[in-house]
């Protein structure tokens, strides 16, 4: 219970107006006290504009999370597929190869081809690797990361070129010309074009250029076929001749002897 003198002194009147239970300042103080405004720095920060904005943002995220959980309970298959797709996208983005990895792969490919003799080295793989090395030494290789994959393409000029053609943005190659300048594509931690060129780098395909078209191509099922295995084992078996084969061989031998005798008689008559 409040005790106030009936006639307070002059110095007490402002204090009396501030602490009067029915006054506006008292109501404002009590409202701030109940809402947490009198809790110090954190309380004032929570009641500020930025505090209210963060509170509304967290409430929105909480409601969205609750709705997503309810939707996953109603449709678990779709939720699992969405989660798997999101995880795959994150894994692809994390496994994008870098520009340093492309340079390392190019140098390693050059070392692999150097260990092979020129006669057994693949000319197409050698030309591709030498092209990459020349572009690398000239500083014309460009690397771009597109979040899920990376590309390496060639530029007409080096980075430090001070030519007008290299500096003028109106004379630079357009993006529609990128497929013609594309050198490699990096995805899931590897460079696919370089790997495809080095797949059969120890086979000189130009040696088979004189063969017919049907003999230049070898299907995978022909490598381990039953017919090939049987023909390979057939050479270790003894040769078995039938009576018909013996008679045919004897007749051919007799015919060859008569032909040789007649040829010798003709030569003797001419002499």
C-alpha atoms as a PDB file:
ATOM      1  CA  UNK A   1       0.000   0.000   0.000  1.00  0.00           C
ATOM      2  CA  UNK A   2       1.378   3.299  -1.091  1.00  0.00           C
ATOM      3  CA  UNK A   3       1.949   6.002   1.507  1.00  0.00           C
ATOM      4  CA  UNK A   4       2.162   9.560   0.234  1.00  0.00           C
ATOM      5  CA  UNK A   5       1.995  12.709   2.359  1.00  0.00           C
ATOM      6  CA  UNK A   6      -1.076  14.899   1.680  1.00  0.00           C
ATOM      7  CA  UNK A   7       1.084  17.911   0.860  1.00  0.00           C
ATOM      8  CA  UNK A   8       4.433  16.649  -0.489  1.00  0.00           C
ATOM      9  CA  UNK A   9       7.300  18.999  -0.890  1.00  0.00           C
ATOM     10  CA  UNK A  10       8.234  20.470  -4.249  1.00  0.00           C
ATOM     11  CA  UNK A  11      11.187  18.133  -4.804  1.00  0.00           C
ATOM     12  CA  UNK A  12       8.938  15.056  -4.281  1.00  0.00           C
ATOM     13  CA  UNK A  13       6.338  15.937  -6.915  1.00  0.00           C
ATOM     14  CA  UNK A  14       8.220  14.461  -9.967  1.00  0.00           C
ATOM     15  CA  UNK A  15       8.903  11.264  -8.090  1.00  0.00           C
ATOM     16  CA  UNK A  16       5.277  11.088  -7.005  1.00  0.00           C
ATOM     17  CA  UNK A  17       4.070  11.517 -10.575  1.00  0.00           C
ATOM     18  CA  UNK A  18       6.434   8.783 -11.794  1.00  0.00           C
ATOM     19  CA  UNK A  19       5.568   6.165  -9.158  1.00  0.00           C
ATOM     20  CA  UNK A  20       1.860   6.892  -8.904  1.00  0.00           C
ATOM     21  CA  UNK A  21       0.092   3.524  -9.416  1.00  0.00           C
ATOM     22  CA  UNK A  22      -2.451   4.955 -11.782  1.00  0.00           C
ATOM     23  CA  UNK A  23      -0.032   7.087 -13.792  1.00  0.00           C
ATOM     24  CA  UNK A  24       0.901   6.493 -17.465  1.00  0.00           C
ATOM     25  CA  UNK A  25       4.595   6.096 -16.720  1.00  0.00           C
ATOM     26  CA  UNK A  26       3.862   3.443 -14.161  1.00  0.00           C
ATOM     27  CA  UNK A  27       1.698   1.524 -16.593  1.00  0.00           C
ATOM     28  CA  UNK A  28       4.417   1.701 -19.234  1.00  0.00           C
ATOM     29  CA  UNK A  29       7.025   0.495 -16.755  1.00  0.00           C
ATOM     30  CA  UNK A  30       4.801  -2.373 -15.641  1.00  0.00           C
ATOM     31  CA  UNK A  31       4.125  -3.356 -19.246  1.00  0.00           C
ATOM     32  CA  UNK A  32       7.808  -3.414 -20.029  1.00  0.00           C
ATOM     33  CA  UNK A  33       8.449  -5.373 -16.873  1.00  0.00           C
ATOM     34  CA  UNK A  34       5.930  -8.046 -17.802  1.00  0.00           C
ATOM     35  CA  UNK A  35       7.095  -8.306 -21.428  1.00  0.00           C
ATOM     36  CA  UNK A  36      10.733  -8.708 -20.427  1.00  0.00           C
ATOM     37  CA  UNK A  37      11.883  -5.221 -21.255  1.00  0.00           C
ATOM     38  CA  UNK A  38      13.520  -4.877 -17.890  1.00  0.00           C
ATOM     39  CA  UNK A  39      15.829  -7.877 -18.268  1.00  0.00           C
ATOM     40  CA  UNK A  40      18.834  -5.885 -19.362  1.00  0.00           C
ATOM     41  CA  UNK A  41      20.588  -5.930 -22.714  1.00  0.00           C
ATOM     42  CA  UNK A  42      19.073  -9.175 -24.045  1.00  0.00           C
ATOM     43  CA  UNK A  43      15.580  -8.110 -23.101  1.00  0.00           C
ATOM     44  CA  UNK A  44      15.935  -4.788 -24.888  1.00  0.00           C
ATOM     45  CA  UNK A  45      17.472  -6.545 -27.871  1.00  0.00           C
ATOM     46  CA  UNK A  46      14.525  -8.973 -28.048  1.00  0.00           C
ATOM     47  CA  UNK A  47      12.071  -6.066 -28.101  1.00  0.00           C
ATOM     48  CA  UNK A  48      13.980  -4.168 -30.774  1.00  0.00           C
ATOM     49  CA  UNK A  49      13.156  -4.270 -34.466  1.00  0.00           C
ATOM     50  CA  UNK A  50      15.943  -6.698 -35.345  1.00  0.00           C
ATOM     51  CA  UNK A  51      14.939  -8.959 -32.474  1.00  0.00           C
ATOM     52  CA  UNK A  52      11.333  -9.093 -33.661  1.00  0.00           C
ATOM     53  CA  UNK A  53      12.542  -9.832 -37.200  1.00  0.00           C
ATOM     54  CA  UNK A  54      14.698 -12.740 -36.069  1.00  0.00           C
ATOM     55  CA  UNK A  55      11.856 -14.068 -33.920  1.00  0.00           C
ATOM     56  CA  UNK A  56       9.459 -14.006 -36.884  1.00  0.00           C
ATOM     57  CA  UNK A  57      12.090 -15.704 -39.077  1.00  0.00           C
ATOM     58  CA  UNK A  58      12.623 -18.510 -36.569  1.00  0.00           C
ATOM     59  CA  UNK A  59       8.875 -18.972 -36.222  1.00  0.00           C
ATOM     60  CA  UNK A  60       8.538 -19.284 -40.010  1.00  0.00           C
ATOM     61  CA  UNK A  61      11.327 -21.863 -40.175  1.00  0.00           C
ATOM     62  CA  UNK A  62       9.804 -23.809 -37.285  1.00  0.00           C
ATOM     63  CA  UNK A  63       6.388 -23.926 -38.969  1.00  0.00           C
ATOM     64  CA  UNK A  64       7.970 -24.981 -42.283  1.00  0.00           C
ATOM     65  CA  UNK A  65       9.876 -27.758 -40.512  1.00  0.00           C
ATOM     66  CA  UNK A  66       6.717 -29.010 -38.835  1.00  0.00           C
ATOM     67  CA  UNK A  67       4.864 -29.031 -42.147  1.00  0.00           C
ATOM     68  CA  UNK A  68       7.730 -30.904 -43.833  1.00  0.00           C
ATOM     69  CA  UNK A  69       7.712 -33.521 -41.064  1.00  0.00           C
ATOM     70  CA  UNK A  70       3.959 -33.990 -41.432  1.00  0.00           C
ATOM     71  CA  UNK A  71       4.291 -34.315 -45.209  1.00  0.00           C
ATOM     72  CA  UNK A  72       7.072 -36.889 -44.814  1.00  0.00           C
ATOM     73  CA  UNK A  73       4.852 -38.950 -42.537  1.00  0.00           C
ATOM     74  CA  UNK A  74       2.001 -38.859 -45.043  1.00  0.00           C
ATOM     75  CA  UNK A  75       4.207 -39.660 -48.089  1.00  0.00           C
ATOM     76  CA  UNK A  76       7.376 -41.446 -46.954  1.00  0.00           C
ATOM     77  CA  UNK A  77       8.375 -42.562 -50.465  1.00  0.00           C
ATOM     78  CA  UNK A  78       8.376 -39.070 -51.933  1.00  0.00           C
ATOM     79  CA  UNK A  79      10.183 -37.761 -48.863  1.00  0.00           C
ATOM     80  CA  UNK A  80      12.883 -40.423 -49.183  1.00  0.00           C
ATOM     81  CA  UNK A  81      13.312 -39.656 -52.889  1.00  0.00           C
ATOM     82  CA  UNK A  82      13.608 -35.937 -52.224  1.00  0.00           C
ATOM     83  CA  UNK A  83      16.121 -36.530 -49.454  1.00  0.00           C
ATOM     84  CA  UNK A  84      18.163 -38.854 -51.672  1.00  0.00           C
ATOM     85  CA  UNK A  85      18.156 -36.300 -54.493  1.00  0.00           C
ATOM     86  CA  UNK A  86      19.246 -33.547 -52.139  1.00  0.00           C
ATOM     87  CA  UNK A  87      22.022 -35.724 -50.734  1.00  0.00           C
ATOM     88  CA  UNK A  88      23.164 -36.615 -54.260  1.00  0.00           C
ATOM     89  CA  UNK A  89      23.229 -32.957 -55.279  1.00  0.00           C
ATOM     90  CA  UNK A  90      25.292 -32.058 -52.227  1.00  0.00           C
ATOM     91  CA  UNK A  91      27.694 -34.937 -52.910  1.00  0.00           C
ATOM     92  CA  UNK A  92      28.099 -33.908 -56.564  1.00  0.00           C
ATOM     93  CA  UNK A  93      28.769 -30.320 -55.575  1.00  0.00           C
ATOM     94  CA  UNK A  94      31.358 -31.437 -53.030  1.00  0.00           C
ATOM     95  CA  UNK A  95      33.094 -33.809 -55.499  1.00  0.00           C
ATOM     96  CA  UNK A  96      33.608 -31.305 -58.332  1.00  0.00           C
ATOM     97  CA  UNK A  97      37.283 -31.520 -59.399  1.00  0.00           C
ATOM     98  CA  UNK A  98      39.445 -28.418 -59.227  1.00  0.00           C
ATOM     99  CA  UNK A  99      41.771 -26.795 -61.740  1.00  0.00           C
ATOM    100  CA  UNK A 100      44.800 -28.177 -59.892  1.00  0.00           C
ATOM    101  CA  UNK A 101      43.441 -31.705 -60.275  1.00  0.00           C
ATOM    102  CA  UNK A 102      43.133 -31.202 -64.044  1.00  0.00           C
ATOM    103  CA  UNK A 103      46.744 -30.100 -64.299  1.00  0.00           C
ATOM    104  CA  UNK A 104      47.847 -33.063 -62.217  1.00  0.00           C
ATOM    105  CA  UNK A 105      45.810 -35.456 -64.379  1.00  0.00           C
ATOM    106  CA  UNK A 106      47.304 -33.979 -67.557  1.00  0.00           C
ATOM    107  CA  UNK A 107      50.870 -34.347 -66.299  1.00  0.00           C
ATOM    108  CA  UNK A 108      50.168 -37.901 -65.150  1.00  0.00           C
ATOM    109  CA  UNK A 109      48.707 -38.788 -68.555  1.00  0.00           C
ATOM    110  CA  UNK A 110      51.796 -37.389 -70.268  1.00  0.00           C
ATOM    111  CA  UNK A 111      53.992 -39.531 -68.018  1.00  0.00           C
ATOM    112  CA  UNK A 112      51.906 -42.626 -68.795  1.00  0.00           C
ATOM    113  CA  UNK A 113      52.257 -42.086 -72.549  1.00  0.00           C
ATOM    114  CA  UNK A 114      55.974 -41.415 -72.185  1.00  0.00           C
ATOM    115  CA  UNK A 115      56.484 -44.910 -70.789  1.00  0.00           C
ATOM    116  CA  UNK A 116      55.083 -46.434 -73.990  1.00  0.00           C
ATOM    117  CA  UNK A 117      57.071 -46.829 -77.181  1.00  0.00           C
ATOM    118  CA  UNK A 118      55.989 -44.712 -80.170  1.00  0.00           C
ATOM    119  CA  UNK A 119      54.974 -47.853 -82.058  1.00  0.00           C
ATOM    120  CA  UNK A 120      52.447 -48.971 -79.451  1.00  0.00           C
ATOM    121  CA  UNK A 121      51.301 -45.535 -78.289  1.00  0.00           C
ATOM    122  CA  UNK A 122      47.862 -44.349 -79.322  1.00  0.00           C
ATOM    123  CA  UNK A 123      48.301 -41.391 -81.701  1.00  0.00           C
ATOM    124  CA  UNK A 124      44.921 -39.837 -80.836  1.00  0.00           C
ATOM    125  CA  UNK A 125      45.626 -39.942 -77.103  1.00  0.00           C
ATOM    126  CA  UNK A 126      49.114 -38.536 -77.648  1.00  0.00           C
ATOM    127  CA  UNK A 127      47.783 -35.644 -79.759  1.00  0.00           C
ATOM    128  CA  UNK A 128      45.127 -34.809 -77.181  1.00  0.00           C
ATOM    129  CA  UNK A 129      47.582 -34.782 -74.275  1.00  0.00           C
ATOM    130  CA  UNK A 130      50.135 -32.753 -76.227  1.00  0.00           C
ATOM    131  CA  UNK A 131      47.424 -30.236 -77.089  1.00  0.00           C
ATOM    132  CA  UNK A 132      46.546 -29.865 -73.419  1.00  0.00           C
ATOM    133  CA  UNK A 133      50.200 -29.410 -72.478  1.00  0.00           C
ATOM    134  CA  UNK A 134      50.713 -26.733 -75.123  1.00  0.00           C
ATOM    135  CA  UNK A 135      47.619 -24.831 -73.974  1.00  0.00           C
ATOM    136  CA  UNK A 136      48.807 -25.131 -70.382  1.00  0.00           C
ATOM    137  CA  UNK A 137      52.270 -23.786 -71.144  1.00  0.00           C
ATOM    138  CA  UNK A 138      50.768 -20.876 -73.090  1.00  0.00           C
ATOM    139  CA  UNK A 139      48.347 -20.040 -70.263  1.00  0.00           C
ATOM    140  CA  UNK A 140      45.274 -20.524 -72.433  1.00  0.00           C
ATOM    141  CA  UNK A 141      43.420 -23.014 -70.271  1.00  0.00           C
ATOM    142  CA  UNK A 142      40.308 -21.722 -68.502  1.00  0.00           C
ATOM    143  CA  UNK A 143      38.437 -23.381 -65.672  1.00  0.00           C
ATOM    144  CA  UNK A 144      34.784 -22.800 -64.758  1.00  0.00           C
ATOM    145  CA  UNK A 145      32.846 -24.338 -61.887  1.00  0.00           C
ATOM    146  CA  UNK A 146      29.096 -24.742 -62.459  1.00  0.00           C
ATOM    147  CA  UNK A 147      28.309 -26.049 -58.956  1.00  0.00           C
ATOM    148  CA  UNK A 148      27.624 -29.654 -60.020  1.00  0.00           C
ATOM    149  CA  UNK A 149      30.283 -29.983 -62.733  1.00  0.00           C
ATOM    150  CA  UNK A 150      33.342 -28.171 -64.005  1.00  0.00           C
ATOM    151  CA  UNK A 151      34.555 -27.489 -67.525  1.00  0.00           C
ATOM    152  CA  UNK A 152      37.972 -26.714 -68.964  1.00  0.00           C
ATOM    153  CA  UNK A 153      38.142 -24.840 -72.255  1.00  0.00           C
ATOM    154  CA  UNK A 154      40.771 -23.006 -74.248  1.00  0.00           C
ATOM    155  CA  UNK A 155      41.014 -19.261 -74.695  1.00  0.00           C
ATOM    156  CA  UNK A 156      42.544 -17.571 -77.744  1.00  0.00           C
ATOM    157  CA  UNK A 157      44.914 -15.527 -75.587  1.00  0.00           C
ATOM    158  CA  UNK A 158      46.711 -15.797 -72.274  1.00  0.00           C
ATOM    159  CA  UNK A 159      45.638 -13.973 -69.121  1.00  0.00           C
ATOM    160  CA  UNK A 160      48.528 -11.505 -69.216  1.00  0.00           C
ATOM    161  CA  UNK A 161      48.190 -10.702 -72.915  1.00  0.00           C
ATOM    162  CA  UNK A 162      48.003  -6.944 -73.543  1.00  0.00           C
ATOM    163  CA  UNK A 163      46.761  -7.172 -77.123  1.00  0.00           C
ATOM    164  CA  UNK A 164      43.693  -5.280 -78.227  1.00  0.00           C
ATOM    165  CA  UNK A 165      42.037  -8.506 -79.352  1.00  0.00           C
ATOM    166  CA  UNK A 166      42.545  -9.977 -75.883  1.00  0.00           C
ATOM    167  CA  UNK A 167      41.309  -6.918 -73.946  1.00  0.00           C
ATOM    168  CA  UNK A 168      38.357  -5.740 -75.998  1.00  0.00           C
ATOM    169  CA  UNK A 169      35.208  -7.358 -74.619  1.00  0.00           C
ATOM    170  CA  UNK A 170      33.418  -7.004 -77.957  1.00  0.00           C
ATOM    171  CA  UNK A 171      36.001  -9.205 -79.684  1.00  0.00           C
ATOM    172  CA  UNK A 172      36.053 -11.952 -77.094  1.00  0.00           C
ATOM    173  CA  UNK A 173      34.643 -15.369 -78.047  1.00  0.00           C
ATOM    174  CA  UNK A 174      30.962 -15.815 -77.310  1.00  0.00           C
ATOM    175  CA  UNK A 175      29.502 -18.421 -75.020  1.00  0.00           C
ATOM    176  CA  UNK A 176      27.803 -20.092 -77.965  1.00  0.00           C
ATOM    177  CA  UNK A 177      31.284 -20.965 -79.258  1.00  0.00           C
ATOM    178  CA  UNK A 178      32.129 -22.845 -76.059  1.00  0.00           C
ATOM    179  CA  UNK A 179      31.345 -26.362 -77.423  1.00  0.00           C
ATOM    180  CA  UNK A 180      34.046 -25.924 -80.055  1.00  0.00           C
ATOM    181  CA  UNK A 181      36.606 -24.805 -77.462  1.00  0.00           C
ATOM    182  CA  UNK A 182      35.638 -27.316 -74.778  1.00  0.00           C
ATOM    183  CA  UNK A 183      38.483 -29.593 -73.719  1.00  0.00           C
ATOM    184  CA  UNK A 184      37.194 -31.586 -70.763  1.00  0.00           C
ATOM    185  CA  UNK A 185      34.297 -31.993 -68.349  1.00  0.00           C
ATOM    186  CA  UNK A 186      34.823 -32.745 -64.668  1.00  0.00           C
ATOM    187  CA  UNK A 187      32.150 -34.552 -62.696  1.00  0.00           C
ATOM    188  CA  UNK A 188      32.176 -36.693 -59.567  1.00  0.00           C
ATOM    189  CA  UNK A 189      35.876 -36.229 -58.917  1.00  0.00           C
ATOM    190  CA  UNK A 190      37.249 -37.170 -62.346  1.00  0.00           C
ATOM    191  CA  UNK A 191      37.843 -35.740 -65.820  1.00  0.00           C
ATOM    192  CA  UNK A 192      35.838 -37.786 -68.285  1.00  0.00           C
ATOM    193  CA  UNK A 193      37.231 -36.748 -71.685  1.00  0.00           C
ATOM    194  CA  UNK A 194      40.830 -37.297 -70.621  1.00  0.00           C
ATOM    195  CA  UNK A 195      39.915 -40.671 -69.101  1.00  0.00           C
ATOM    196  CA  UNK A 196      38.144 -41.737 -72.296  1.00  0.00           C
ATOM    197  CA  UNK A 197      41.147 -40.782 -74.435  1.00  0.00           C
ATOM    198  CA  UNK A 198      43.515 -42.784 -72.224  1.00  0.00           C
ATOM    199  CA  UNK A 199      41.346 -45.901 -72.056  1.00  0.00           C
ATOM    200  CA  UNK A 200      43.317 -47.776 -74.767  1.00  0.00           C
ATOM    201  CA  UNK A 201      46.403 -45.600 -74.886  1.00  0.00           C
ATOM    202  CA  UNK A 202      48.689 -48.642 -75.389  1.00  0.00           C
ATOM    203  CA  UNK A 203      47.016 -49.642 -78.697  1.00  0.00           C
ATOM    204  CA  UNK A 204      48.088 -48.010 -81.934  1.00  0.00           C
ATOM    205  CA  UNK A 205      44.847 -47.919 -83.913  1.00  0.00           C
ATOM    206  CA  UNK A 206      46.614 -46.709 -87.055  1.00  0.00           C
ATOM    207  CA  UNK A 207      48.267 -50.124 -87.439  1.00  0.00           C
ATOM    208  CA  UNK A 208      44.884 -51.636 -88.275  1.00  0.00           C
ATOM    209  CA  UNK A 209      44.041 -49.076 -90.956  1.00  0.00           C
ATOM    210  CA  UNK A 210      44.790 -51.556 -93.764  1.00  0.00           C
ATOM    211  CA  UNK A 211      42.360 -54.190 -92.487  1.00  0.00           C
ATOM    212  CA  UNK A 212      38.794 -54.536 -93.783  1.00  0.00           C
ATOM    213  CA  UNK A 213      36.082 -52.697 -91.945  1.00  0.00           C
ATOM    214  CA  UNK A 214      34.669 -55.866 -90.380  1.00  0.00           C
ATOM    215  CA  UNK A 215      38.065 -56.718 -88.845  1.00  0.00           C
ATOM    216  CA  UNK A 216      38.759 -53.264 -87.416  1.00  0.00           C
ATOM    217  CA  UNK A 217      36.074 -53.590 -84.789  1.00  0.00           C
ATOM    218  CA  UNK A 218      36.087 -56.193 -82.036  1.00  0.00           C
ATOM    219  CA  UNK A 219      32.951 -56.562 -79.941  1.00  0.00           C
ATOM    220  CA  UNK A 220      33.285 -57.286 -76.223  1.00  0.00           C
ATOM    221  CA  UNK A 221      31.481 -60.615 -76.489  1.00  0.00           C
ATOM    222  CA  UNK A 222      34.122 -61.849 -78.942  1.00  0.00           C
ATOM    223  CA  UNK A 223      36.946 -61.551 -76.431  1.00  0.00           C
ATOM    224  CA  UNK A 224      35.769 -64.373 -74.163  1.00  0.00           C
ATOM    225  CA  UNK A 225      33.511 -66.309 -76.509  1.00  0.00           C
ATOM    226  CA  UNK A 226      33.226 -70.107 -76.435  1.00  0.00           C
ATOM    227  CA  UNK A 227      34.236 -70.310 -80.087  1.00  0.00           C
ATOM    228  CA  UNK A 228      37.519 -68.537 -79.498  1.00  0.00           C
ATOM    229  CA  UNK A 229      38.316 -70.743 -76.515  1.00  0.00           C
ATOM    230  CA  UNK A 230      37.536 -73.905 -78.462  1.00  0.00           C
ATOM    231  CA  UNK A 231      39.704 -72.808 -81.395  1.00  0.00           C
ATOM    232  CA  UNK A 232      42.555 -72.029 -79.014  1.00  0.00           C
ATOM    233  CA  UNK A 233      42.380 -75.488 -77.477  1.00  0.00           C
ATOM    234  CA  UNK A 234      41.985 -77.139 -80.863  1.00  0.00           C
ATOM    235  CA  UNK A 235      45.638 -76.595 -81.793  1.00  0.00           C
ATOM    236  CA  UNK A 236      46.836 -78.826 -78.949  1.00  0.00           C
ATOM    237  CA  UNK A 237      44.916 -81.854 -80.203  1.00  0.00           C
ATOM    238  CA  UNK A 238      46.498 -84.425 -82.617  1.00  0.00           C
ATOM    239  CA  UNK A 239      45.444 -84.299 -86.240  1.00  0.00           C
ATOM    240  CA  UNK A 240      43.071 -87.159 -87.095  1.00  0.00           C
ATOM    241  CA  UNK A 241      42.748 -87.994 -90.826  1.00  0.00           C
ATOM    242  CA  UNK A 242      39.839 -89.962 -92.193  1.00  0.00           C
ATOM    243  CA  UNK A 243      39.973 -92.419 -95.144  1.00  0.00           C
ATOM    244  CA  UNK A 244      38.493 -89.786 -97.406  1.00  0.00           C
ATOM    245  CA  UNK A 245      41.173 -87.300 -96.422  1.00  0.00           C
ATOM    246  CA  UNK A 246      43.885 -89.881 -97.067  1.00  0.00           C
ATOM    247  CA  UNK A 247      42.523 -90.742-100.567  1.00  0.00           C
ATOM    248  CA  UNK A 248      42.186 -87.046-101.427  1.00  0.00           C
ATOM    249  CA  UNK A 249      45.759 -86.381-100.318  1.00  0.00           C
ATOM    250  CA  UNK A 250      47.064 -89.354-102.328  1.00  0.00           C
ATOM    251  CA  UNK A 251      45.187 -88.289-105.457  1.00  0.00           C
ATOM    252  CA  UNK A 252      46.467 -84.745-105.154  1.00  0.00           C
ATOM    253  CA  UNK A 253      49.988 -86.048-104.676  1.00  0.00           C
ATOM    254  CA  UNK A 254      49.708 -88.321-107.721  1.00  0.00           C
ATOM    255  CA  UNK A 255      48.307 -85.513-109.843  1.00  0.00           C
ATOM    256  CA  UNK A 256      51.123 -83.256-108.730  1.00  0.00           C
ATOM    257  CA  UNK A 257      53.695 -85.933-109.646  1.00  0.00           C
ATOM    258  CA  UNK A 258      52.247 -86.370-113.146  1.00  0.00           C
ATOM    259  CA  UNK A 259      52.245 -82.630-113.683  1.00  0.00           C
ATOM    260  CA  UNK A 260      55.859 -82.375-112.597  1.00  0.00           C
ATOM    261  CA  UNK A 261      56.870 -85.279-114.855  1.00  0.00           C
ATOM    262  CA  UNK A 262      55.194 -83.797-117.904  1.00  0.00           C
ATOM    263  CA  UNK A 263      56.869 -80.447-117.239  1.00  0.00           C
ATOM    264  CA  UNK A 264      60.316 -82.143-117.037  1.00  0.00           C
ATOM    265  CA  UNK A 265      59.672 -84.049-120.291  1.00  0.00           C
ATOM    266  CA  UNK A 266      58.735 -80.815-122.052  1.00  0.00           C
ATOM    267  CA  UNK A 267      61.872 -79.135-120.816  1.00  0.00           C
ATOM    268  CA  UNK A 268      64.008 -82.033-122.036  1.00  0.00           C
ATOM    269  CA  UNK A 269      62.379 -81.955-125.515  1.00  0.00           C
ATOM    270  CA  UNK A 270      63.011 -78.222-125.837  1.00  0.00           C
ATOM    271  CA  UNK A 271      66.647 -78.656-124.971  1.00  0.00           C
END
